[in-house]
Amino acid sequence: MSNIYKRLDQIKEKIKDDKFIAGRGLGNEISFYIFDYDPKHELIVRNHVKHLKKKFSNAMYNRRIIEFDLYNMLLEITKEKQIYDQIFTMEKEQGADKLLDALIDFSIPDIFLQKMVNEIGDHNVVFVTGVGKIYPFVRSHTILNNLQEKIDKIPVVMFYPGEYDGQDLQLFNQFKDDNYYRAFQLVDNK
């Protein structure tokens, strides 16, 4: 069995553990976790996220998982703000570089965070996905840094296509995202 499958299989046990839901440890650290993986396994990880959500939808687990796919959220937000159709016009008339700049300016963390806070409801586990799909509009460390101010009592798992060594995030194993040292690795990547 490939290492990615072994690591994915460990996620279920972690989430089932009452310590995972209880959150904060002795050092009062936040319950933020990163599951890093080789980007070539993106589709395997996406399928496993669906599997986990379905598995934990069973009432016997008392885990209510909500997934926030950052890329899908960006599309939803542009539709809600009624600018979705303008994206295509802007690209056609002003070019891809201007569109990229406009989307980066538009994609501030607050619009994602507010949507997350509004939609969490009674969920007690948050999955953040779509990190690779939304790059470079949104940087994952920015979401995590701002999310900890909004959600500090619910465990958050970010599925990260790249490497996380406990301090540095490296998207696609190529781009240094930035330092983020408040999250724990959900499953050892060795």
Protein backbone atom coordinates (compact mmCIF):
# COMPACT_ATOMS: atom_id res chain seq x y z
CA MET A 1 0.00 0.00 0.00
CA SER A 2 1.32 3.42 -0.93
CA ASN A 3 2.34 5.79 1.87
CA ILE A 4 -0.44 8.24 0.95
CA TYR A 5 -3.10 5.60 1.59
CA LYS A 6 -1.55 4.65 4.93
CA ARG A 7 -1.49 8.29 5.98
CA LEU A 8 -5.06 8.92 4.81
CA ASP A 9 -6.27 5.89 6.75
CA GLN A 10 -4.86 7.43 9.94
CA ILE A 11 -7.03 10.54 9.63
CA LYS A 12 -10.21 8.72 10.65
CA GLU A 13 -8.68 7.54 13.94
CA LYS A 14 -7.39 11.01 14.72
CA ILE A 15 -10.81 12.58 14.17
CA LYS A 16 -12.55 9.87 16.23
CA ASP A 17 -10.32 10.62 19.21
CA ASP A 18 -12.08 12.74 21.84
CA LYS A 19 -8.85 14.73 22.36
CA PHE A 20 -9.18 15.96 18.78
CA ILE A 21 -12.61 17.46 19.44
CA ALA A 22 -11.74 18.71 22.93
CA GLY A 23 -9.07 20.86 21.37
CA ARG A 24 -6.53 22.89 23.21
CA GLY A 25 -3.72 21.00 24.84
CA LEU A 26 -1.72 21.72 27.97
CA GLY A 27 0.00 24.65 26.28
CA ASN A 28 -3.40 26.13 25.34
CA GLU A 29 -2.51 25.76 21.66
CA ILE A 30 -5.20 26.02 19.04
CA SER A 31 -6.59 22.93 17.32
CA PHE A 32 -5.28 23.64 13.84
CA TYR A 33 -3.87 20.76 11.85
CA ILE A 34 -2.28 20.40 8.46
CA PHE A 35 -2.38 17.26 6.38
CA ASP A 36 0.39 17.81 3.86
CA TYR A 37 0.78 15.57 0.85
CA ASP A 38 2.55 15.29 -2.46
CA PRO A 39 0.56 17.37 -4.98
CA LYS A 40 0.48 14.40 -7.37
CA HIS A 41 -1.94 12.78 -4.90
CA GLU A 42 -4.48 15.63 -5.12
CA LEU A 43 -7.29 13.52 -6.58
CA ILE A 44 -6.72 10.71 -4.08
CA VAL A 45 -6.91 13.22 -1.22
CA ARG A 46 -10.06 14.86 -2.61
CA ASN A 47 -11.77 11.48 -2.82
CA HIS A 48 -10.71 10.63 0.71
CA VAL A 49 -12.08 13.92 2.04
CA LYS A 50 -15.45 12.99 0.49
CA HIS A 51 -15.17 9.55 2.07
CA LEU A 52 -14.42 11.01 5.51
CA LYS A 53 -17.33 13.43 5.34
CA LYS A 54 -19.66 10.58 4.42
CA LYS A 55 -18.23 8.27 7.09
CA PHE A 56 -18.60 10.83 9.85
CA SER A 57 -22.11 11.83 8.78
CA ASN A 58 -23.24 8.78 10.77
CA ALA A 59 -24.71 10.03 14.08
CA MET A 60 -22.74 7.46 16.11
CA TYR A 61 -19.54 9.47 15.63
CA ASN A 62 -20.81 12.85 16.87
CA ARG A 63 -18.58 14.54 14.31
CA ARG A 64 -20.17 17.08 12.01
CA ILE A 65 -17.66 17.99 9.33
CA ILE A 66 -17.98 21.03 7.13
CA GLU A 67 -15.66 21.47 4.17
CA PHE A 68 -14.59 24.84 2.85
CA ASP A 69 -13.03 24.53 -0.59
CA LEU A 70 -11.36 27.92 -0.98
CA TYR A 71 -11.58 27.91 -4.77
CA ASN A 72 -15.29 27.05 -4.78
CA MET A 73 -15.82 29.70 -2.13
CA LEU A 74 -14.18 32.32 -4.35
CA LEU A 75 -16.52 31.42 -7.19
CA GLU A 76 -19.55 31.53 -4.84
CA ILE A 77 -18.51 34.89 -3.44
CA THR A 78 -18.07 36.43 -6.91
CA LYS A 79 -21.58 35.22 -7.77
CA GLU A 80 -23.01 36.58 -4.52
CA LYS A 81 -21.34 39.95 -5.17
CA GLN A 82 -22.64 39.79 -8.74
CA ILE A 83 -19.23 40.16 -10.35
CA TYR A 84 -18.81 36.62 -11.68
CA ASP A 85 -19.81 37.51 -15.24
CA GLN A 86 -17.56 40.58 -15.18
CA ILE A 87 -14.53 38.32 -14.67
CA PHE A 88 -14.76 36.99 -18.21
CA THR A 89 -15.34 40.44 -19.67
CA MET A 90 -12.38 41.85 -17.80
CA GLU A 91 -10.09 39.07 -18.98
CA LYS A 92 -11.20 39.57 -22.58
CA GLU A 93 -10.92 43.36 -22.53
CA GLN A 94 -7.96 43.96 -20.19
CA GLY A 95 -6.02 40.71 -20.28
CA ALA A 96 -5.16 37.92 -17.88
CA ASP A 97 -2.60 39.96 -15.91
CA LYS A 98 -5.15 42.67 -15.02
CA LEU A 99 -7.67 40.01 -14.09
CA LEU A 100 -5.13 38.29 -11.85
CA ASP A 101 -4.34 41.58 -10.09
CA ALA A 102 -8.05 42.34 -9.63
CA LEU A 103 -8.80 38.89 -8.21
CA ILE A 104 -5.86 39.07 -5.81
CA ASP A 105 -7.10 42.47 -4.59
CA PHE A 106 -10.65 41.11 -4.27
CA SER A 107 -9.69 37.89 -2.48
CA ILE A 108 -8.99 39.32 0.95
CA PRO A 109 -9.18 36.83 3.84
CA ASP A 110 -12.15 38.59 5.45
CA ILE A 111 -14.56 37.60 2.68
CA PHE A 112 -13.65 33.93 3.17
CA LEU A 113 -13.61 34.10 6.95
CA GLN A 114 -16.99 35.77 7.20
CA LYS A 115 -18.51 33.13 4.92
CA MET A 116 -16.95 30.36 7.03
CA VAL A 117 -18.20 31.82 10.30
CA ASN A 118 -21.70 32.27 8.85
CA GLU A 119 -21.85 28.67 7.56
CA ILE A 120 -20.25 26.70 10.41
CA GLY A 121 -23.49 26.34 12.35
CA ASP A 122 -23.34 23.26 14.60
CA HIS A 123 -20.41 21.62 12.80
CA ASN A 124 -17.59 20.61 15.10
CA VAL A 125 -14.83 19.87 12.56
CA VAL A 126 -13.68 22.15 9.73
CA PHE A 127 -11.87 20.90 6.62
CA VAL A 128 -10.15 23.52 4.47
CA THR A 129 -9.45 22.31 0.94
CA GLY A 130 -8.80 23.85 -2.46
CA VAL A 131 -5.53 25.45 -1.32
CA GLY A 132 -3.71 24.58 -4.54
CA LYS A 133 -6.64 25.49 -6.78
CA ILE A 134 -6.90 29.01 -5.43
CA TYR A 135 -3.21 29.89 -5.52
CA PRO A 136 -2.04 32.66 -6.10
CA PHE A 137 -5.27 34.53 -5.27
CA VAL A 138 -5.22 33.41 -1.66
CA ARG A 139 -2.31 32.21 0.45
CA SER A 140 -3.00 29.46 2.95
CA HIS A 141 -0.98 30.98 5.81
CA THR A 142 -3.09 34.15 5.52
CA ILE A 143 -6.30 32.15 5.89
CA LEU A 144 -4.90 30.21 8.87
CA ASN A 145 -3.57 33.32 10.61
CA ASN A 146 -6.90 35.11 10.31
CA LEU A 147 -9.04 32.03 10.93
CA GLN A 148 -7.56 31.47 14.37
CA GLU A 149 -9.08 34.80 15.43
CA LYS A 150 -12.54 33.69 14.30
CA ILE A 151 -12.57 29.96 15.03
CA ASP A 152 -10.59 28.87 18.05
CA LYS A 153 -12.75 26.19 19.63
CA ILE A 154 -13.33 23.99 16.59
CA PRO A 155 -10.60 21.76 15.15
CA VAL A 156 -9.52 22.88 11.68
CA VAL A 157 -7.75 20.57 9.23
CA MET A 158 -6.14 22.13 6.17
CA PHE A 159 -5.38 19.70 3.36
CA TYR A 160 -2.17 21.08 1.91
CA PRO A 161 -0.67 20.03 -1.46
CA GLY A 162 2.94 20.51 -0.52
CA GLU A 163 5.15 20.26 2.52
CA TYR A 164 4.70 21.45 6.07
CA ASP A 165 7.59 20.91 8.45
CA GLY A 166 5.93 22.35 11.54
CA GLN A 167 7.01 25.87 10.65
CA ASP A 168 7.28 26.45 6.91
CA LEU A 169 4.65 25.85 4.27
CA GLN A 170 5.88 25.05 0.78
CA LEU A 171 3.06 24.87 -1.75
CA PHE A 172 3.47 22.27 -4.50
CA ASN A 173 6.87 21.51 -2.91
CA GLN A 174 8.13 24.58 -4.81
CA PHE A 175 6.71 27.86 -3.52
CA LYS A 176 7.46 29.02 0.01
CA ASP A 177 4.05 30.13 1.23
CA ASP A 178 5.25 31.61 4.50
CA ASN A 179 5.94 30.59 8.05
CA TYR A 180 3.07 29.15 10.00
CA TYR A 181 3.99 27.40 13.20
CA ARG A 182 0.72 27.27 15.12
CA ALA A 183 -0.62 24.18 13.38
CA PHE A 184 0.25 20.57 14.09
CA GLN A 185 0.75 17.90 11.50
CA LEU A 186 -2.39 15.80 11.55
CA VAL A 187 -0.54 12.66 10.48
CA ASP A 188 3.20 12.18 10.35
CA ASN A 189 4.39 12.42 6.77
CA LYS A 190 7.17 9.86 7.10
